[in-house]
Amino acid sequence: MARVRVHGRIAPLIEVGAGFVPDFTGRENVYLNGSILGMSRKEIDRKFDEIVDFAEMAEFIDTPVKRYSSGMQVKLAFAVATSIESEILIVDEVLAVGDLAFQRKCFDRMEQLIKREQRTVLLVSHNIRQVERLCSRVVLMNHGRVLQDGASNNVCNAFYDESDKRIAATNKKATATANQKLMSSGEVDLDEINIIDGNGEITNEIEYLADAVIKLKLRVNKPIKHACIGIGVHTTDFIYLATKHTPRNFTADVLPIGIYSIRCKIKKFPFLPRTYALRVGVAVGETKDTAFYIENALVFRVTSQELNRSNPDLAEGFTELQAEWAEIENTNSENHDFAQITP
């Protein structure tokens, strides 16, 4: 049986609006929630303005919480929980709330608690980039079992690797996935998308820094004007890495009904070994209205016999900097000593 020893006061932030009474106002819920978390009335009085300012809720603080959106409730709950002078804060999947500016404030507050105030924060999340940034130690779990426990970079990379394998396996079984985002006006459809290797064969792997050809088969269901086709690369968690559109003179002013085969050659595919996906879009008309768009159109892997993710130089980011170190100059020395750096 597993045991957990706790030293200090715990402030949990586990569920949206947990402990909030819908018919109470925001003000009343701040006092109620603060009391539940162990704050005294005097302590809440002292921190009330700070809590409301951080949550950006001054305009609605005397409005019943039942009229708040879920995002407004989380903002207020986060402000209360992180204002407590507790030694341990438990946060479960609640940082991605509000607009980008408020999310930035949440990250800053968490970093202040962890790095400056030396608090213990237990962060439970599927947002691995968030975990990697905030945490110094990460525990990877699967159905209650600990798979790995260690430094954030190592464990997060292990999660990415395992996730990439599952995504690649799923993609082999079915062309469409649950994560596909598809929009279509009915004017254009994507009948086929493939990666072609140097031998002209269809593949799901691209060698790092090798040329790659993306082949599309588009079905035009009615004549379209000024078609612009785009191909993009994104990560499995939908970070857009690059996009390439057809040039202005690529097609005639009007594309008649028919099936079109289109190839796009990418020179020296620049992204480091891991799993990626392609997105495809077709815009039409002078205003470039979307006729067709799909994400996760094709999942593929970039491979390399020379590089692997365990290399500390490649553990972060998606491309390798093509740079050379030359020399280090000691500017405090009258003789300007140099230390040569060799590969």
Protein backbone atom coordinates (compact mmCIF):
# COMPACT_ATOMS: atom_id res chain seq x y z
CA MET A 1 0.00 0.00 0.00
CA ALA A 2 1.34 3.44 -1.01
CA ARG A 3 1.69 6.11 1.65
CA VAL A 4 2.01 9.87 1.31
CA ARG A 5 3.49 11.98 4.07
CA VAL A 6 2.48 15.63 4.15
CA HIS A 7 4.39 18.37 5.95
CA GLY A 8 2.57 21.69 5.86
CA ARG A 9 -0.76 23.17 4.84
CA ILE A 10 -2.32 22.03 1.53
CA ALA A 11 -4.27 24.29 -0.85
CA PRO A 12 -6.11 22.21 -3.49
CA LEU A 13 -7.28 23.54 -6.84
CA ILE A 14 -8.74 20.38 -8.32
CA GLU A 15 -12.16 21.08 -9.81
CA VAL A 16 -13.75 24.10 -11.46
CA GLY A 17 -15.69 26.03 -8.85
CA ALA A 18 -15.24 23.36 -6.17
CA GLY A 19 -16.59 24.72 -2.89
CA PHE A 20 -18.42 27.61 -4.57
CA VAL A 21 -22.12 28.12 -3.72
CA PRO A 22 -23.96 29.15 -6.92
CA ASP A 23 -26.40 31.51 -5.17
CA PHE A 24 -23.62 33.34 -3.30
CA THR A 25 -21.87 36.29 -4.88
CA GLY A 26 -18.23 36.18 -5.89
CA ARG A 27 -17.37 38.18 -2.76
CA GLU A 28 -19.19 35.75 -0.48
CA ASN A 29 -17.57 32.78 -2.20
CA VAL A 30 -14.09 34.25 -1.77
CA TYR A 31 -14.67 34.36 1.99
CA LEU A 32 -16.31 30.93 2.04
CA ASN A 33 -13.67 29.27 -0.14
CA GLY A 34 -10.84 30.96 1.74
CA SER A 35 -12.26 29.73 5.06
CA ILE A 36 -12.58 26.17 3.73
CA LEU A 37 -8.92 26.32 2.68
CA GLY A 38 -7.90 27.40 6.18
CA MET A 39 -7.63 31.19 5.90
CA SER A 40 -8.78 33.39 8.76
CA ARG A 41 -11.25 36.23 8.25
CA LYS A 42 -8.48 38.76 8.90
CA GLU A 43 -6.23 37.06 6.33
CA ILE A 44 -8.98 37.11 3.70
CA ASP A 45 -9.70 40.78 4.43
CA ARG A 46 -6.03 41.57 3.91
CA LYS A 47 -5.79 39.69 0.62
CA PHE A 48 -9.28 40.32 -0.78
CA ASP A 49 -8.35 43.16 -3.14
CA GLU A 50 -5.31 41.24 -4.37
CA ILE A 51 -7.48 38.18 -5.11
CA VAL A 52 -10.09 40.18 -7.01
CA ASP A 53 -7.49 42.13 -8.98
CA PHE A 54 -5.64 38.97 -10.00
CA ALA A 55 -8.87 37.27 -11.11
CA GLU A 56 -9.91 40.44 -13.01
CA MET A 57 -13.36 40.12 -11.42
CA ALA A 58 -13.91 43.54 -9.82
CA GLU A 59 -16.85 44.28 -12.11
CA PHE A 60 -18.64 41.04 -11.23
CA ILE A 61 -17.53 40.35 -7.66
CA ASP A 62 -21.01 41.10 -6.25
CA THR A 63 -22.79 39.02 -8.92
CA PRO A 64 -24.03 35.51 -7.98
CA VAL A 65 -21.57 32.85 -9.09
CA LYS A 66 -24.33 30.94 -10.89
CA ARG A 67 -24.18 33.69 -13.52
CA TYR A 68 -20.41 33.23 -14.01
CA SER A 69 -19.00 31.26 -16.89
CA SER A 70 -16.84 28.24 -15.98
CA GLY A 71 -13.78 30.29 -16.98
CA MET A 72 -14.74 33.10 -14.58
CA GLN A 73 -15.20 30.60 -11.76
CA VAL A 74 -11.80 29.04 -12.38
CA LYS A 75 -10.11 32.45 -12.48
CA LEU A 76 -11.58 33.36 -9.11
CA ALA A 77 -10.85 29.92 -7.62
CA PHE A 78 -7.25 30.03 -8.88
CA ALA A 79 -6.77 33.49 -7.38
CA VAL A 80 -8.07 32.32 -3.98
CA ALA A 81 -6.07 29.06 -3.91
CA THR A 82 -2.77 30.66 -4.91
CA SER A 83 -3.17 33.50 -2.42
CA ILE A 84 -3.02 31.09 0.54
CA GLU A 85 0.32 30.93 2.28
CA SER A 86 0.37 27.14 2.09
CA GLU A 87 3.42 24.94 1.74
CA ILE A 88 1.77 22.65 -0.82
CA LEU A 89 -0.52 23.52 -3.74
CA ILE A 90 -2.29 20.77 -5.71
CA VAL A 91 -3.33 21.88 -9.20
CA ASP A 92 -5.29 19.60 -11.54
CA GLU A 93 -5.77 20.62 -15.20
CA VAL A 94 -6.94 24.17 -14.49
CA LEU A 95 -4.21 26.43 -15.86
CA ALA A 96 -5.58 26.70 -19.41
CA VAL A 97 -8.34 29.14 -18.47
CA GLY A 98 -9.26 32.61 -19.62
CA ASP A 99 -7.57 34.48 -22.42
CA LEU A 100 -3.89 34.29 -23.29
CA ALA A 101 -3.04 37.24 -21.05
CA PHE A 102 -4.64 35.57 -18.02
CA GLN A 103 -2.94 32.26 -18.80
CA ARG A 104 0.34 34.18 -18.82
CA LYS A 105 -0.52 35.54 -15.37
CA CYS A 106 -1.24 32.00 -14.13
CA PHE A 107 2.13 30.76 -15.37
CA ASP A 108 3.90 33.71 -13.77
CA ARG A 109 2.12 33.09 -10.46
CA MET A 110 3.03 29.39 -10.54
CA GLU A 111 6.68 30.15 -11.32
CA GLN A 112 6.74 32.66 -8.49
CA LEU A 113 5.39 30.07 -6.04
CA ILE A 114 7.81 27.37 -7.20
CA LYS A 115 11.04 29.22 -7.95
CA ARG A 116 10.95 32.31 -5.75
CA GLU A 117 8.87 31.23 -2.76
CA GLN A 118 10.11 27.62 -2.85
CA ARG A 119 6.61 26.17 -2.45
CA THR A 120 5.78 22.58 -3.39
CA VAL A 121 3.33 22.45 -6.30
CA LEU A 122 1.81 19.13 -7.36
CA LEU A 123 0.67 19.66 -10.95
CA VAL A 124 -1.53 17.02 -12.57
CA SER A 125 -1.86 17.63 -16.30
CA HIS A 126 -1.87 16.20 -19.81
CA ASN A 127 -0.33 19.45 -21.07
CA ILE A 128 3.21 18.11 -21.25
CA ARG A 129 4.79 21.39 -22.38
CA GLN A 130 3.29 23.03 -19.32
CA VAL A 131 4.60 20.26 -17.08
CA GLU A 132 8.05 20.40 -18.67
CA ARG A 133 8.30 24.12 -18.09
CA LEU A 134 7.03 24.31 -14.53
CA CYS A 135 8.24 21.09 -12.94
CA SER A 136 11.69 19.94 -11.89
CA ARG A 137 10.53 16.39 -11.19
CA VAL A 138 7.91 14.46 -13.18
CA VAL A 139 6.14 11.17 -12.50
CA LEU A 140 4.66 9.42 -15.55
CA MET A 141 1.68 7.23 -14.65
CA ASN A 142 -0.54 4.82 -16.53
CA HIS A 143 -3.68 3.42 -14.88
CA GLY A 144 -2.31 4.18 -11.44
CA ARG A 145 1.09 2.62 -12.06
CA VAL A 146 4.30 4.63 -12.03
CA LEU A 147 6.11 4.14 -15.34
CA GLN A 148 8.90 6.64 -14.84
CA ASP A 149 10.04 9.11 -12.19
CA GLY A 150 12.80 11.61 -12.82
CA ALA A 151 13.91 14.93 -14.32
CA SER A 152 11.25 16.73 -16.33
CA ASN A 153 13.08 16.62 -19.70
CA ASN A 154 13.73 12.88 -19.51
CA VAL A 155 10.24 11.87 -18.42
CA CYS A 156 8.45 14.26 -20.80
CA ASN A 157 10.52 12.99 -23.72
CA ALA A 158 9.59 9.43 -22.73
CA PHE A 159 5.92 10.47 -22.76
CA TYR A 160 6.30 12.04 -26.22
CA ASP A 161 8.01 8.92 -27.55
CA GLU A 162 5.30 6.60 -26.23
CA SER A 163 2.55 8.92 -27.44
CA ASP A 164 4.13 9.16 -30.89
CA LYS A 165 4.23 5.35 -31.15
CA ARG A 166 0.53 5.08 -30.28
CA ILE A 167 -0.41 7.79 -32.75
CA ALA A 168 1.62 6.15 -35.51
CA ALA A 169 0.02 2.76 -34.76
CA THR A 170 -3.45 4.29 -34.82
CA ASN A 171 -2.72 6.01 -38.10
CA LYS A 172 -1.81 2.70 -39.74
CA LYS A 173 -5.18 1.24 -38.80
CA ALA A 174 -7.32 4.13 -40.00
CA THR A 175 -6.80 7.14 -42.25
CA ALA A 176 -9.11 9.35 -40.23
CA THR A 177 -8.56 9.90 -36.54
CA ALA A 178 -10.69 11.32 -33.78
CA ASN A 179 -8.40 14.35 -33.68
CA GLN A 180 -8.94 15.37 -37.28
CA LYS A 181 -10.29 18.86 -37.80
CA LEU A 182 -12.13 19.00 -41.12
CA MET A 183 -13.87 21.91 -42.84
CA SER A 184 -15.30 21.79 -46.35
CA SER A 185 -17.59 23.95 -48.44
CA GLY A 186 -18.19 21.03 -50.79
CA GLU A 187 -16.26 22.64 -53.62
CA VAL A 188 -13.08 20.62 -53.07
CA ASP A 189 -12.28 17.27 -51.44
CA LEU A 190 -8.98 15.60 -50.59
CA ASP A 191 -9.12 12.11 -52.09
CA GLU A 192 -5.58 11.09 -51.21
CA ILE A 193 -2.41 12.29 -49.53
CA ASN A 194 0.89 10.43 -49.51
CA ILE A 195 4.58 10.91 -48.83
CA ILE A 196 6.79 9.63 -51.66
CA ASP A 197 10.36 8.53 -50.97
CA GLY A 198 13.38 8.75 -53.29
CA ASN A 199 12.42 5.46 -54.97
CA GLY A 200 8.94 6.67 -55.81
CA GLU A 201 7.36 4.49 -53.13
CA ILE A 202 4.69 5.53 -50.62
CA THR A 203 6.07 5.83 -47.09
CA ASN A 204 5.19 7.11 -43.65
CA GLU A 205 8.78 7.97 -42.77
CA ILE A 206 11.06 10.80 -43.80
CA GLU A 207 14.79 10.74 -43.20
CA TYR A 208 16.02 13.80 -41.33
CA LEU A 209 17.43 16.42 -43.76
CA ALA A 210 16.43 14.32 -46.78
CA ASP A 211 14.20 15.60 -49.59
CA ALA A 212 10.55 14.62 -49.32
CA VAL A 213 7.66 14.76 -51.78
CA ILE A 214 4.07 15.27 -50.62
CA LYS A 215 1.54 14.09 -53.19
CA LEU A 216 -2.07 15.26 -53.09
CA LYS A 217 -5.06 14.10 -55.09
CA LEU A 218 -7.73 16.79 -55.03
CA ARG A 219 -11.25 16.38 -56.34
CA VAL A 220 -12.77 19.65 -57.60
CA ASN A 221 -16.56 19.27 -57.50
CA LYS A 222 -17.40 22.56 -59.19
CA PRO A 223 -15.29 25.17 -60.97
CA ILE A 224 -13.29 27.30 -58.54
CA LYS A 225 -11.49 30.57 -59.14
CA HIS A 226 -8.02 31.61 -57.95
CA ALA A 227 -7.30 28.43 -56.02
CA CYS A 228 -4.51 28.57 -53.43
CA ILE A 229 -3.31 25.28 -51.95
CA GLY A 230 -1.37 25.04 -48.72
CA ILE A 231 0.48 22.23 -46.99
CA GLY A 232 1.58 22.54 -43.37
CA VAL A 233 3.42 20.50 -40.75
CA HIS A 234 2.24 20.36 -37.16
CA THR A 235 3.10 18.38 -34.04
CA THR A 236 0.83 15.73 -32.61
CA ASP A 237 -0.35 18.29 -30.06
CA PHE A 238 -1.11 20.80 -32.82
CA ILE A 239 1.75 23.26 -32.73
CA TYR A 240 1.98 24.63 -36.27
CA LEU A 241 5.60 24.42 -37.40
CA ALA A 242 5.60 25.49 -41.06
CA THR A 243 3.28 26.14 -43.99
CA LYS A 244 3.90 26.41 -47.74
CA HIS A 245 1.38 27.83 -50.20
CA THR A 246 1.26 27.52 -53.96
CA PRO A 247 2.62 30.56 -55.83
CA ARG A 248 0.23 32.97 -57.50
CA ASN A 249 0.94 31.63 -60.98
CA PHE A 250 0.53 27.98 -59.95
CA THR A 251 -2.92 27.47 -61.50
CA ALA A 252 -5.16 29.06 -64.09
CA ASP A 253 -7.76 31.60 -63.02
CA VAL A 254 -10.37 28.84 -62.97
CA LEU A 255 -9.97 25.16 -62.09
CA PRO A 256 -12.65 23.09 -63.91
CA ILE A 257 -14.35 20.08 -62.34
CA GLY A 258 -11.98 17.13 -62.19
CA ILE A 259 -9.35 15.24 -60.20
CA TYR A 260 -5.95 16.88 -59.85
CA SER A 261 -2.65 15.32 -58.80
CA ILE A 262 -0.32 17.81 -57.11
CA ARG A 263 3.22 17.31 -55.81
CA CYS A 264 5.12 19.48 -53.37
CA LYS A 265 8.83 18.79 -52.93
CA ILE A 266 10.32 19.76 -49.58
CA LYS A 267 14.09 20.11 -49.70
CA LYS A 268 16.10 18.88 -46.71
CA PHE A 269 13.18 18.23 -44.37
CA PRO A 270 14.31 20.29 -41.35
CA PHE A 271 12.43 18.86 -38.37
CA LEU A 272 14.11 16.61 -35.83
CA PRO A 273 13.23 12.93 -35.42
CA ARG A 274 9.79 12.40 -33.87
CA THR A 275 6.18 12.09 -35.06
CA TYR A 276 4.45 14.88 -36.98
CA ALA A 277 1.32 15.37 -39.06
CA LEU A 278 0.33 17.18 -42.24
CA ARG A 279 -2.46 19.66 -42.72
CA VAL A 280 -3.89 20.68 -46.08
CA GLY A 281 -5.99 23.66 -47.08
CA VAL A 282 -7.52 25.06 -50.24
CA ALA A 283 -8.61 28.70 -50.40
CA VAL A 284 -10.55 30.15 -53.35
CA GLY A 285 -11.56 33.48 -54.81
CA GLU A 286 -10.04 36.91 -54.46
CA THR A 287 -10.87 36.92 -50.74
CA LYS A 288 -9.31 33.46 -50.25
CA ASP A 289 -12.32 31.83 -48.63
CA THR A 290 -11.71 28.37 -47.19
CA ALA A 291 -13.01 25.66 -49.51
CA PHE A 292 -11.29 22.81 -47.73
CA TYR A 293 -9.12 22.38 -44.64
CA ILE A 294 -7.94 19.35 -42.69
CA GLU A 295 -5.51 18.73 -39.84
CA ASN A 296 -3.95 15.36 -39.08
CA ALA A 297 -4.40 14.50 -42.74
CA LEU A 298 -1.39 12.19 -42.55
CA VAL A 299 0.71 11.22 -39.53
CA PHE A 300 4.36 10.40 -40.26
CA ARG A 301 7.69 9.96 -38.53
CA VAL A 302 11.01 11.65 -39.11
CA THR A 303 13.85 9.19 -38.54
CA SER A 304 17.62 9.33 -38.33
CA GLN A 305 20.30 6.75 -37.76
CA GLU A 306 22.64 9.37 -36.33
CA LEU A 307 20.33 11.42 -34.11
CA ASN A 308 18.05 10.44 -31.27
CA ARG A 309 16.00 12.29 -28.73
CA SER A 310 18.24 11.32 -25.82
CA ASN A 311 20.90 13.64 -27.21
CA PRO A 312 20.80 16.66 -24.84
CA ASP A 313 21.36 19.02 -27.78
CA LEU A 314 18.13 17.79 -29.39
CA ALA A 315 15.93 17.33 -26.34
CA GLU A 316 14.31 20.74 -26.77
CA GLY A 317 12.79 22.26 -29.88
CA PHE A 318 12.01 20.91 -33.32
CA THR A 319 15.00 21.91 -35.45
CA GLU A 320 18.74 21.82 -35.00
CA LEU A 321 20.60 25.12 -35.17
CA GLN A 322 23.17 24.97 -37.95
CA ALA A 323 25.83 26.80 -35.98
CA GLU A 324 29.53 26.51 -35.23
CA TRP A 325 31.35 27.55 -32.08
CA ALA A 326 34.59 29.30 -32.89
CA GLU A 327 36.42 30.55 -29.80
CA ILE A 328 36.07 32.00 -26.33
CA GLU A 329 37.87 35.25 -25.59
CA ASN A 330 38.80 36.26 -22.06
CA THR A 331 37.99 39.97 -22.25
CA ASN A 332 39.34 40.58 -18.72
CA SER A 333 42.82 39.50 -19.74
CA GLU A 334 45.32 42.09 -21.03
CA ASN A 335 46.71 39.48 -23.37
CA HIS A 336 43.24 38.60 -24.67
CA ASP A 337 43.71 34.88 -24.28
CA PHE A 338 41.67 32.64 -26.61
CA ALA A 339 40.34 29.17 -25.98
CA GLN A 340 39.72 27.26 -29.17
CA ILE A 341 36.57 25.15 -29.36
CA THR A 342 36.82 22.06 -31.50
CA PRO A 343 33.98 19.72 -32.49
